[in-house]
């Protein structure tokens, strides 16, 4: 890893080096916090968690050939190099910031309330048409996950697409200090993490902290159809590029035609240019994600044909509106996370599906004092959007179920108090030929519901 010698690592994280002076000039081959993934020549960073203090694994990783370890403790009689630091978590962030500076590659930083991951996927799919691209995997988008993503970069990479997720004020500043993006993309400002951020204005304030570490020659790409983001006029002389469905935007789409679960075709306008494209994942929100990717592609010199190819070759990932077909069902696996905005967007896609349209919806977390009203809001949408069955699961979803029944007495609404009760009765609710949407916040563990549906 470029310039990540033990000497530089010690300096960057303000640590104290213990070990042979001869090893100081050695570069580590990788950095990991997972003792199961250590390799010869790597640096192991033990994180102190709520349940496990990973310092206990230090003897094991040394036996596997680890070059050195970080430690918050003095390691008595250590016969291997280690760097003692005050906080291993802070050290990880400091090292990641230094390492990214050594590589000198552009970073596209993506944040927003809804659609960060799917937007990241489309942007990376577009950029790979021209560049060797590294993207965030899974949910590695927080103060530990972002550094671990950075550590996957190697000198052959030409650009990094990094997702940045937060739920408190100040977090985005710490993430942006590591990433120092050349291009910032914000998807929208929604009603999530309100228990910490207060309201949508608080969400806007927290998300736009990312601008503080934007490169001086950087780019800001925003959803211009979002009433909060459109108020951002410039930052340090950088004028945002707005995308949306409004034809006043610099990047916009028209001629939208839904093809149900097969996606949406549209025409994307980039300034004076325009091209037809098939967005292969269903939903109006995916057109917005494609527009963000088109705007990023234009920034980095891709042709219209390369942008089209990148959008059309997009592959979905588990838990993020992934379509699963069985002999009897079409399952929409969207169970990774949920908030009111994304829940309603998914319901709008479900209504265009074939067969009986069944939504299995679970509790949404981190909504603060208005959580009951926000669940009712989704229930009202479920009752009026044109689906056939709404199964609401969890304590908070009682509000959703009651509201859905109230606005549409003809809609078949089923309430289950928890996931276990749902799983016990699931077979009696589902019929052959159904299209079933599964969506809830991650803590509901609805991947078990998806698995059970596949086994029906």
Protein backbone atom coordinates (compact mmCIF):
# COMPACT_ATOMS: atom_id res chain seq x y z
CA UNK A 1 0.00 0.00 0.00
CA UNK A 2 1.60 3.20 -1.26
CA UNK A 3 3.72 4.92 1.42
CA UNK A 4 2.05 3.02 4.26
CA UNK A 5 5.26 2.13 6.02
CA UNK A 6 5.17 1.42 9.72
CA UNK A 7 7.11 4.65 10.22
CA UNK A 8 4.53 6.73 8.34
CA UNK A 9 1.63 4.97 10.04
CA UNK A 10 3.13 5.69 13.47
CA UNK A 11 3.55 9.35 12.57
CA UNK A 12 0.11 9.80 11.01
CA UNK A 13 -1.81 8.41 13.97
CA UNK A 14 0.41 9.96 16.65
CA UNK A 15 1.37 6.56 17.98
CA UNK A 16 4.33 5.09 19.78
CA UNK A 17 6.23 2.42 17.88
CA UNK A 18 7.42 -0.73 19.64
CA UNK A 19 9.63 -3.16 17.76
CA UNK A 20 12.65 -3.52 15.55
CA UNK A 21 13.86 -0.36 13.83
CA UNK A 22 14.49 -2.45 10.71
CA UNK A 23 10.73 -2.95 10.25
CA UNK A 24 9.90 0.76 10.19
CA UNK A 25 10.58 1.05 6.46
CA UNK A 26 8.30 -1.87 5.55
CA UNK A 27 4.98 -1.16 3.80
CA UNK A 28 1.92 -3.06 4.94
CA UNK A 29 0.14 -5.12 2.28
CA UNK A 30 -3.38 -4.53 3.65
CA UNK A 31 -5.20 -3.14 6.68
CA UNK A 32 -8.03 -5.02 8.36
CA UNK A 33 -10.11 -4.95 11.54
CA UNK A 34 -11.31 -8.52 10.99
CA UNK A 35 -9.03 -11.15 12.49
CA UNK A 36 -10.46 -13.72 10.07
CA UNK A 37 -9.24 -11.73 7.06
CA UNK A 38 -5.63 -11.09 8.00
CA UNK A 39 -2.96 -11.88 5.44
CA UNK A 40 0.80 -12.05 5.51
CA UNK A 41 2.28 -8.57 5.76
CA UNK A 42 -0.92 -6.78 6.79
CA UNK A 43 -1.68 -4.40 9.65
CA UNK A 44 -4.33 -5.59 12.10
CA UNK A 45 -6.39 -2.94 13.87
CA UNK A 46 -8.29 -4.24 16.92
CA UNK A 47 -11.50 -2.29 17.51
CA UNK A 48 -13.02 -2.20 20.98
CA UNK A 49 -16.71 -2.94 20.46
CA UNK A 50 -19.70 -3.13 22.76
CA UNK A 51 -19.44 -6.91 23.03
CA UNK A 52 -15.94 -7.84 21.92
CA UNK A 53 -12.53 -6.25 22.45
CA UNK A 54 -10.58 -7.39 19.39
CA UNK A 55 -7.26 -7.00 21.22
CA UNK A 56 -7.87 -10.58 22.34
CA UNK A 57 -7.19 -11.75 18.76
CA UNK A 58 -3.72 -10.23 18.52
CA UNK A 59 -1.84 -13.52 19.25
CA UNK A 60 -3.91 -15.29 16.58
CA UNK A 61 -3.23 -12.72 13.84
CA UNK A 62 0.48 -12.63 14.59
CA UNK A 63 0.57 -16.41 14.15
CA UNK A 64 -1.01 -15.93 10.70
CA UNK A 65 1.78 -13.68 9.47
CA UNK A 66 0.49 -10.20 10.28
CA UNK A 67 3.33 -7.68 9.96
CA UNK A 68 2.19 -5.41 12.81
CA UNK A 69 -0.78 -4.40 14.92
CA UNK A 70 -2.20 -1.28 16.44
CA UNK A 71 -3.04 -1.42 20.12
CA UNK A 72 -4.64 0.80 22.74
CA UNK A 73 -2.78 -1.23 25.37
CA UNK A 74 0.82 -1.96 26.25
CA UNK A 75 1.59 -5.46 24.96
CA UNK A 76 3.95 -7.10 27.41
CA UNK A 77 6.81 -9.20 25.98
CA UNK A 78 5.71 -8.55 22.40
CA UNK A 79 8.23 -9.98 19.91
CA UNK A 80 6.53 -8.31 16.92
CA UNK A 81 6.07 -4.69 15.83
CA UNK A 82 3.12 -2.81 17.25
CA UNK A 83 2.01 0.80 17.35
CA UNK A 84 0.39 2.00 20.54
CA UNK A 85 -2.35 4.60 20.04
CA UNK A 86 -4.95 6.29 22.20
CA UNK A 87 -7.85 5.16 19.99
CA UNK A 88 -7.66 2.51 17.28
CA UNK A 89 -10.86 3.85 15.69
CA UNK A 90 -9.40 7.35 15.38
CA UNK A 91 -6.14 5.88 14.10
CA UNK A 92 -8.02 4.06 11.34
CA UNK A 93 -9.52 7.37 10.20
CA UNK A 94 -6.16 9.16 10.33
CA UNK A 95 -4.43 6.44 8.31
CA UNK A 96 -7.21 6.36 5.71
CA UNK A 97 -6.99 10.13 5.23
CA UNK A 98 -3.21 9.91 4.73
CA UNK A 99 -3.44 6.92 2.37
CA UNK A 100 -6.04 8.52 0.12
CA UNK A 101 -3.80 11.59 -0.18
CA UNK A 102 -0.94 9.37 -1.35
CA UNK A 103 -2.99 7.93 -4.20
CA UNK A 104 -4.10 11.31 -5.57
CA UNK A 105 -7.21 9.98 -7.33
CA UNK A 106 -10.56 11.77 -7.63
CA UNK A 107 -13.27 10.84 -5.15
CA UNK A 108 -17.01 11.01 -5.81
CA UNK A 109 -18.72 11.33 -2.43
CA UNK A 110 -22.41 10.37 -2.26
CA UNK A 111 -24.85 11.18 0.50
CA UNK A 112 -28.56 11.87 0.96
CA UNK A 113 -31.53 10.54 2.90
CA UNK A 114 -32.72 7.96 0.38
CA UNK A 115 -31.03 6.20 -2.51
CA UNK A 116 -27.36 6.60 -1.54
CA UNK A 117 -26.53 2.99 -2.26
CA UNK A 118 -28.48 2.67 -5.51
CA UNK A 119 -27.08 5.99 -6.73
CA UNK A 120 -23.59 4.83 -5.83
CA UNK A 121 -24.17 1.67 -7.83
CA UNK A 122 -25.32 3.56 -10.94
CA UNK A 123 -22.47 6.08 -10.73
CA UNK A 124 -19.89 3.32 -10.37
CA UNK A 125 -21.50 1.39 -13.23
CA UNK A 126 -21.15 4.47 -15.45
CA UNK A 127 -17.61 5.39 -14.45
CA UNK A 128 -16.33 1.84 -14.98
CA UNK A 129 -16.99 2.36 -18.70
CA UNK A 130 -13.87 4.58 -18.75
CA UNK A 131 -11.99 4.18 -15.45
CA UNK A 132 -10.75 1.49 -13.10
CA UNK A 133 -13.30 2.23 -10.37
CA UNK A 134 -13.57 1.26 -6.72
CA UNK A 135 -16.92 1.64 -4.95
CA UNK A 136 -18.21 1.21 -1.42
CA UNK A 137 -19.39 -2.33 -0.76
CA UNK A 138 -22.40 -3.15 1.39
CA UNK A 139 -23.01 -0.68 4.20
CA UNK A 140 -19.36 0.34 4.66
CA UNK A 141 -20.28 4.02 4.71
CA UNK A 142 -19.74 5.16 8.31
CA UNK A 143 -16.71 6.25 10.36
CA UNK A 144 -15.26 2.74 10.34
CA UNK A 145 -16.65 1.50 7.04
CA UNK A 146 -15.40 4.45 4.99
CA UNK A 147 -11.74 3.97 6.05
CA UNK A 148 -12.00 0.23 5.38
CA UNK A 149 -13.29 1.04 1.89
CA UNK A 150 -10.37 3.41 1.34
CA UNK A 151 -7.95 0.65 2.36
CA UNK A 152 -9.22 -1.46 -0.55
CA UNK A 153 -7.82 1.08 -3.00
CA UNK A 154 -4.66 0.18 -4.91
CA UNK A 155 -2.50 2.13 -7.34
CA UNK A 156 -4.33 0.72 -10.37
CA UNK A 157 -7.57 2.42 -9.31
CA UNK A 158 -8.32 5.65 -11.15
CA UNK A 159 -11.39 6.88 -9.27
CA UNK A 160 -13.27 6.08 -6.04
CA UNK A 161 -17.04 6.22 -5.51
CA UNK A 162 -17.62 6.49 -1.78
CA UNK A 163 -20.97 6.37 0.00
CA UNK A 164 -21.19 8.49 3.14
CA UNK A 165 -23.92 7.76 5.70
CA UNK A 166 -24.64 9.66 8.91
CA UNK A 167 -27.24 10.03 11.65
CA UNK A 168 -25.70 12.78 13.85
CA UNK A 169 -24.41 16.30 13.35
CA UNK A 170 -20.62 16.38 12.89
CA UNK A 171 -20.36 12.90 11.42
CA UNK A 172 -20.34 14.13 7.82
CA UNK A 173 -17.51 16.54 8.59
CA UNK A 174 -15.42 13.66 9.92
CA UNK A 175 -16.20 11.49 6.89
CA UNK A 176 -15.52 14.32 4.44
CA UNK A 177 -12.17 15.04 6.11
CA UNK A 178 -11.14 11.50 5.16
CA UNK A 179 -12.61 11.43 1.66
CA UNK A 180 -11.98 15.04 0.56
CA UNK A 181 -14.27 14.54 -2.42
CA UNK A 182 -13.68 16.18 -5.76
CA UNK A 183 -17.37 15.70 -6.55
CA UNK A 184 -20.24 15.71 -4.04
CA UNK A 185 -23.59 14.16 -4.95
CA UNK A 186 -26.65 14.59 -2.69
CA UNK A 187 -29.68 12.53 -3.64
CA UNK A 188 -32.39 14.18 -1.52
CA UNK A 189 -33.31 15.47 1.94
CA UNK A 190 -35.89 13.25 3.60
CA UNK A 191 -37.40 12.32 6.95
CA UNK A 192 -34.77 9.97 8.35
CA UNK A 193 -32.63 10.09 11.51
CA UNK A 194 -34.98 12.77 12.84
CA UNK A 195 -34.47 11.67 16.43
CA UNK A 196 -30.94 13.09 16.15
CA UNK A 197 -31.27 15.71 13.39
CA UNK A 198 -34.65 17.18 14.36
CA UNK A 199 -36.31 17.98 11.05
CA UNK A 200 -35.53 18.18 7.33
CA UNK A 201 -33.69 21.47 7.80
CA UNK A 202 -31.46 19.66 10.29
CA UNK A 203 -30.94 16.86 7.77
CA UNK A 204 -29.95 19.44 5.13
CA UNK A 205 -27.49 21.07 7.52
CA UNK A 206 -25.93 17.72 8.45
CA UNK A 207 -25.64 16.43 4.86
CA UNK A 208 -24.13 19.65 3.48
CA UNK A 209 -21.30 19.47 6.01
CA UNK A 210 -19.67 17.47 3.21
CA UNK A 211 -18.94 20.72 1.33
CA UNK A 212 -16.40 21.81 3.97
CA UNK A 213 -13.81 19.39 2.58
CA UNK A 214 -14.71 19.61 -1.10
CA UNK A 215 -11.67 20.10 -3.34
CA UNK A 216 -11.28 23.76 -4.43
CA UNK A 217 -11.80 22.73 -8.08
CA UNK A 218 -14.65 20.41 -7.12
CA UNK A 219 -18.18 19.78 -8.30
CA UNK A 220 -21.52 19.78 -6.50
CA UNK A 221 -24.33 17.70 -8.05
CA UNK A 222 -27.75 17.98 -6.42
CA UNK A 223 -31.33 16.83 -6.92
CA UNK A 224 -32.92 20.05 -8.13
CA UNK A 225 -36.44 18.69 -7.64
CA UNK A 226 -35.82 18.50 -3.88
CA UNK A 227 -37.25 21.61 -2.19
CA UNK A 228 -34.40 21.75 0.34
CA UNK A 229 -31.46 21.05 -1.98
CA UNK A 230 -32.61 23.57 -4.56
CA UNK A 231 -31.93 26.29 -1.97
CA UNK A 232 -28.18 25.57 -2.20
CA UNK A 233 -26.98 28.21 -4.64
CA UNK A 234 -23.21 27.94 -4.31
CA UNK A 235 -20.42 26.99 -1.93
CA UNK A 236 -17.06 28.78 -2.01
CA UNK A 237 -17.72 29.88 -5.56
CA UNK A 238 -18.77 26.41 -6.76
CA UNK A 239 -22.22 26.51 -8.36
CA UNK A 240 -24.20 23.27 -8.12
CA UNK A 241 -25.31 21.28 -11.14
CA UNK A 242 -28.95 20.35 -10.59
CA UNK A 243 -30.62 17.23 -11.99
CA UNK A 244 -34.30 16.29 -12.02
CA UNK A 245 -37.44 15.83 -14.08
CA UNK A 246 -38.06 19.56 -14.31
CA UNK A 247 -36.86 20.74 -17.74
CA UNK A 248 -35.24 23.79 -16.12
CA UNK A 249 -32.51 21.53 -14.70
CA UNK A 250 -29.13 21.27 -16.42
CA UNK A 251 -29.51 17.50 -16.41
CA UNK A 252 -33.07 16.23 -16.82
CA UNK A 253 -35.13 13.35 -18.13
CA UNK A 254 -38.33 13.28 -20.16
CA UNK A 255 -40.35 10.75 -22.18
CA UNK A 256 -40.54 8.42 -19.16
CA UNK A 257 -42.22 5.11 -19.92
CA UNK A 258 -42.61 2.52 -17.16
CA UNK A 259 -42.05 -1.11 -18.10
CA UNK A 260 -43.17 -2.40 -14.71
CA UNK A 261 -40.53 -4.41 -12.90
CA UNK A 262 -38.34 -4.36 -16.02
CA UNK A 263 -37.47 -0.71 -15.42
CA UNK A 264 -38.12 2.63 -17.09
CA UNK A 265 -37.10 4.02 -20.46
CA UNK A 266 -36.48 7.75 -20.80
CA UNK A 267 -34.51 10.40 -22.61
CA UNK A 268 -31.70 12.06 -20.65
CA UNK A 269 -30.68 15.62 -21.50
CA UNK A 270 -27.15 16.79 -20.70
CA UNK A 271 -27.02 20.42 -21.71
CA UNK A 272 -27.40 20.43 -25.50
CA UNK A 273 -27.01 16.63 -25.75
CA UNK A 274 -29.75 14.03 -25.33
CA UNK A 275 -29.92 10.23 -25.55
CA UNK A 276 -32.42 7.43 -24.99
CA UNK A 277 -31.72 4.94 -22.20
CA UNK A 278 -33.36 1.98 -20.46
CA UNK A 279 -32.95 2.21 -16.68
CA UNK A 280 -33.06 -1.52 -15.79
CA UNK A 281 -34.32 -1.15 -12.21
CA UNK A 282 -37.96 -0.10 -11.73
CA UNK A 283 -39.14 3.10 -10.14
CA UNK A 284 -39.20 6.80 -10.81
CA UNK A 285 -36.52 7.22 -8.13
CA UNK A 286 -34.12 5.15 -10.25
CA UNK A 287 -34.45 7.70 -13.05
CA UNK A 288 -33.21 10.31 -10.59
CA UNK A 289 -30.28 8.05 -9.70
CA UNK A 290 -29.47 7.62 -13.39
CA UNK A 291 -29.56 11.39 -13.85
CA UNK A 292 -27.05 11.83 -11.02
CA UNK A 293 -24.82 9.23 -12.68
CA UNK A 294 -25.13 10.98 -16.04
CA UNK A 295 -24.10 14.28 -14.45
CA UNK A 296 -21.07 12.62 -12.84
CA UNK A 297 -20.19 10.89 -16.11
CA UNK A 298 -20.18 14.21 -17.92
CA UNK A 299 -17.89 15.73 -15.26
CA UNK A 300 -15.36 12.96 -15.87
CA UNK A 301 -15.42 13.11 -19.65
CA UNK A 302 -17.56 10.11 -20.58
CA UNK A 303 -19.40 10.10 -23.88
CA UNK A 304 -23.17 9.75 -24.11
CA UNK A 305 -22.70 6.18 -25.33
CA UNK A 306 -20.50 5.32 -22.33
CA UNK A 307 -23.02 6.86 -19.93
CA UNK A 308 -25.88 4.92 -21.57
CA UNK A 309 -23.91 1.67 -21.45
CA UNK A 310 -23.09 2.18 -17.78
CA UNK A 311 -26.71 2.84 -16.82
CA UNK A 312 -28.06 -0.08 -18.84
CA UNK A 313 -25.51 -2.55 -17.40
CA UNK A 314 -26.47 -1.76 -13.79
CA UNK A 315 -26.85 -4.82 -11.58
CA UNK A 316 -28.94 -4.74 -8.40
CA UNK A 317 -27.64 -5.95 -5.05
CA UNK A 318 -29.32 -7.99 -2.32
CA UNK A 319 -31.78 -6.02 -0.21
CA UNK A 320 -31.86 -3.07 -2.61
CA UNK A 321 -34.88 -3.61 -4.86
CA UNK A 322 -33.54 -6.90 -6.12
CA UNK A 323 -36.03 -8.91 -8.18
CA UNK A 324 -36.14 -12.60 -7.23
CA UNK A 325 -38.27 -15.05 -9.22
CA UNK A 326 -39.43 -18.42 -7.91
CA UNK A 327 -41.66 -20.98 -9.60
CA UNK A 328 -44.73 -19.27 -8.15
CA UNK A 329 -43.78 -15.74 -7.02
CA UNK A 330 -42.06 -12.53 -8.00
CA UNK A 331 -40.30 -11.18 -4.90
CA UNK A 332 -39.01 -7.62 -4.60
CA UNK A 333 -36.24 -7.78 -1.99
CA UNK A 334 -35.99 -4.21 -0.68
CA UNK A 335 -35.48 -5.12 2.94
CA UNK A 336 -32.11 -3.54 3.69
CA UNK A 337 -33.55 -0.34 5.09
CA UNK A 338 -36.56 1.95 5.01
CA UNK A 339 -37.86 5.42 5.74
CA UNK A 340 -41.13 7.08 4.71
CA UNK A 341 -39.79 8.44 1.41
CA UNK A 342 -38.27 5.16 0.24
CA UNK A 343 -41.25 3.14 1.48
CA UNK A 344 -43.68 5.20 -0.61
CA UNK A 345 -41.38 5.03 -3.65
CA UNK A 346 -41.27 1.24 -3.44
CA UNK A 347 -45.06 1.05 -3.15
CA UNK A 348 -45.35 3.16 -6.29
CA UNK A 349 -43.25 0.60 -8.16
CA UNK A 350 -45.22 -2.34 -6.78
CA UNK A 351 -48.50 -0.95 -8.12
CA UNK A 352 -47.21 -1.45 -11.69
CA UNK A 353 -46.40 -5.14 -11.14
CA UNK A 354 -48.28 -8.10 -12.58
CA UNK A 355 -50.47 -10.45 -10.56
CA UNK A 356 -51.75 -9.71 -7.07
CA UNK A 357 -49.61 -6.92 -5.60
CA UNK A 358 -48.68 -7.65 -1.97
CA UNK A 359 -46.64 -5.33 0.27
CA UNK A 360 -45.03 -6.74 3.41
CA UNK A 361 -43.95 -3.66 5.35
CA UNK A 362 -42.15 -3.48 8.68
CA UNK A 363 -41.27 -0.84 11.25
CA UNK A 364 -39.11 2.12 10.27
CA UNK A 365 -36.54 3.26 12.84
CA UNK A 366 -34.90 6.53 13.91
CA UNK A 367 -37.90 8.73 13.09
CA UNK A 368 -38.03 10.61 16.39
CA UNK A 369 -41.12 12.07 18.04
CA UNK A 370 -43.19 11.96 14.83
CA UNK A 371 -42.66 8.23 14.25
CA UNK A 372 -46.35 7.34 14.66
CA UNK A 373 -47.49 10.05 12.24
CA UNK A 374 -44.84 9.06 9.70
CA UNK A 375 -45.99 5.44 9.79
CA UNK A 376 -49.55 6.68 9.29
CA UNK A 377 -48.31 8.68 6.28
CA UNK A 378 -47.03 5.50 4.65
CA UNK A 379 -50.28 3.72 5.56
CA UNK A 380 -52.27 6.42 3.79
CA UNK A 381 -50.08 6.03 0.70
CA UNK A 382 -50.46 2.24 0.81
CA UNK A 383 -54.22 2.66 0.95
CA UNK A 384 -54.39 4.91 -2.10
CA UNK A 385 -51.57 3.80 -4.41
CA UNK A 386 -53.36 0.85 -6.01
CA UNK A 387 -51.89 -2.29 -4.40
CA UNK A 388 -54.02 -5.33 -3.45
CA UNK A 389 -52.72 -6.48 -0.05
CA UNK A 390 -50.81 -4.65 2.67
CA UNK A 391 -49.25 -6.72 5.47
CA UNK A 392 -47.95 -4.48 8.27
CA UNK A 393 -45.52 -5.94 10.80
CA UNK A 394 -44.26 -4.50 14.09
CA UNK A 395 -45.44 -2.23 16.91
CA UNK A 396 -45.08 0.99 14.91
CA UNK A 397 -46.73 -0.53 11.87
CA UNK A 398 -50.01 -0.77 13.81
CA UNK A 399 -50.35 2.94 12.98
CA UNK A 400 -49.68 2.13 9.32
CA UNK A 401 -52.24 -0.66 9.22
CA UNK A 402 -54.95 1.39 10.92
CA UNK A 403 -54.45 4.32 8.55
CA UNK A 404 -54.44 2.11 5.44
CA UNK A 405 -57.76 0.56 6.54
CA UNK A 406 -59.24 3.96 7.30
CA UNK A 407 -58.44 5.50 3.90
CA UNK A 408 -59.36 2.39 1.90
CA UNK A 409 -61.74 -0.07 3.57
CA UNK A 410 -61.63 -2.24 0.42
CA UNK A 411 -57.87 -2.84 0.68
CA UNK A 412 -56.96 -6.14 2.33
CA UNK A 413 -54.88 -5.05 5.33
CA UNK A 414 -53.25 -7.62 7.63
CA UNK A 415 -51.45 -6.75 10.86
CA UNK A 416 -48.84 -8.93 12.56
CA UNK A 417 -47.16 -7.82 15.81
CA UNK A 418 -43.69 -9.13 14.93
CA UNK A 419 -41.61 -11.01 12.37
CA UNK A 420 -42.01 -14.38 14.08
CA UNK A 421 -45.79 -14.14 13.96
CA UNK A 422 -45.65 -13.16 10.28
CA UNK A 423 -43.43 -16.10 9.41
CA UNK A 424 -45.80 -18.48 11.18
CA UNK A 425 -48.73 -17.33 9.03
CA UNK A 426 -46.95 -16.33 5.81
CA UNK A 427 -48.01 -19.34 3.75
CA UNK A 428 -51.68 -18.51 4.29
CA UNK A 429 -51.28 -14.94 3.06
CA UNK A 430 -49.43 -15.54 -0.21
CA UNK A 431 -50.90 -16.95 -3.42
CA UNK A 432 -49.33 -18.31 -6.57
CA UNK A 433 -48.67 -15.53 -9.07
CA UNK A 434 -48.27 -12.80 -6.44
CA UNK A 435 -45.68 -10.04 -6.70
CA UNK A 436 -44.47 -9.43 -3.15
CA UNK A 437 -42.59 -6.35 -1.93
CA UNK A 438 -40.60 -6.86 1.29
CA UNK A 439 -39.44 -3.66 2.98
CA UNK A 440 -38.54 -2.52 6.52
CA UNK A 441 -35.71 -0.98 8.49
CA UNK A 442 -32.68 -3.22 8.84
CA UNK A 443 -33.29 -4.04 12.53
CA UNK A 444 -36.48 -5.90 11.55
CA UNK A 445 -34.33 -8.59 9.86
CA UNK A 446 -36.73 -9.01 6.96
CA UNK A 447 -34.12 -10.95 5.00
CA UNK A 448 -35.66 -13.88 6.88
CA UNK A 449 -39.00 -13.02 5.29
CA UNK A 450 -37.40 -12.99 1.83
CA UNK A 451 -35.86 -16.41 2.52
CA UNK A 452 -39.19 -17.80 3.71
CA UNK A 453 -40.95 -16.52 0.57
CA UNK A 454 -38.37 -18.22 -1.64
CA UNK A 455 -39.13 -21.50 0.10
CA UNK A 456 -42.91 -21.35 -0.33
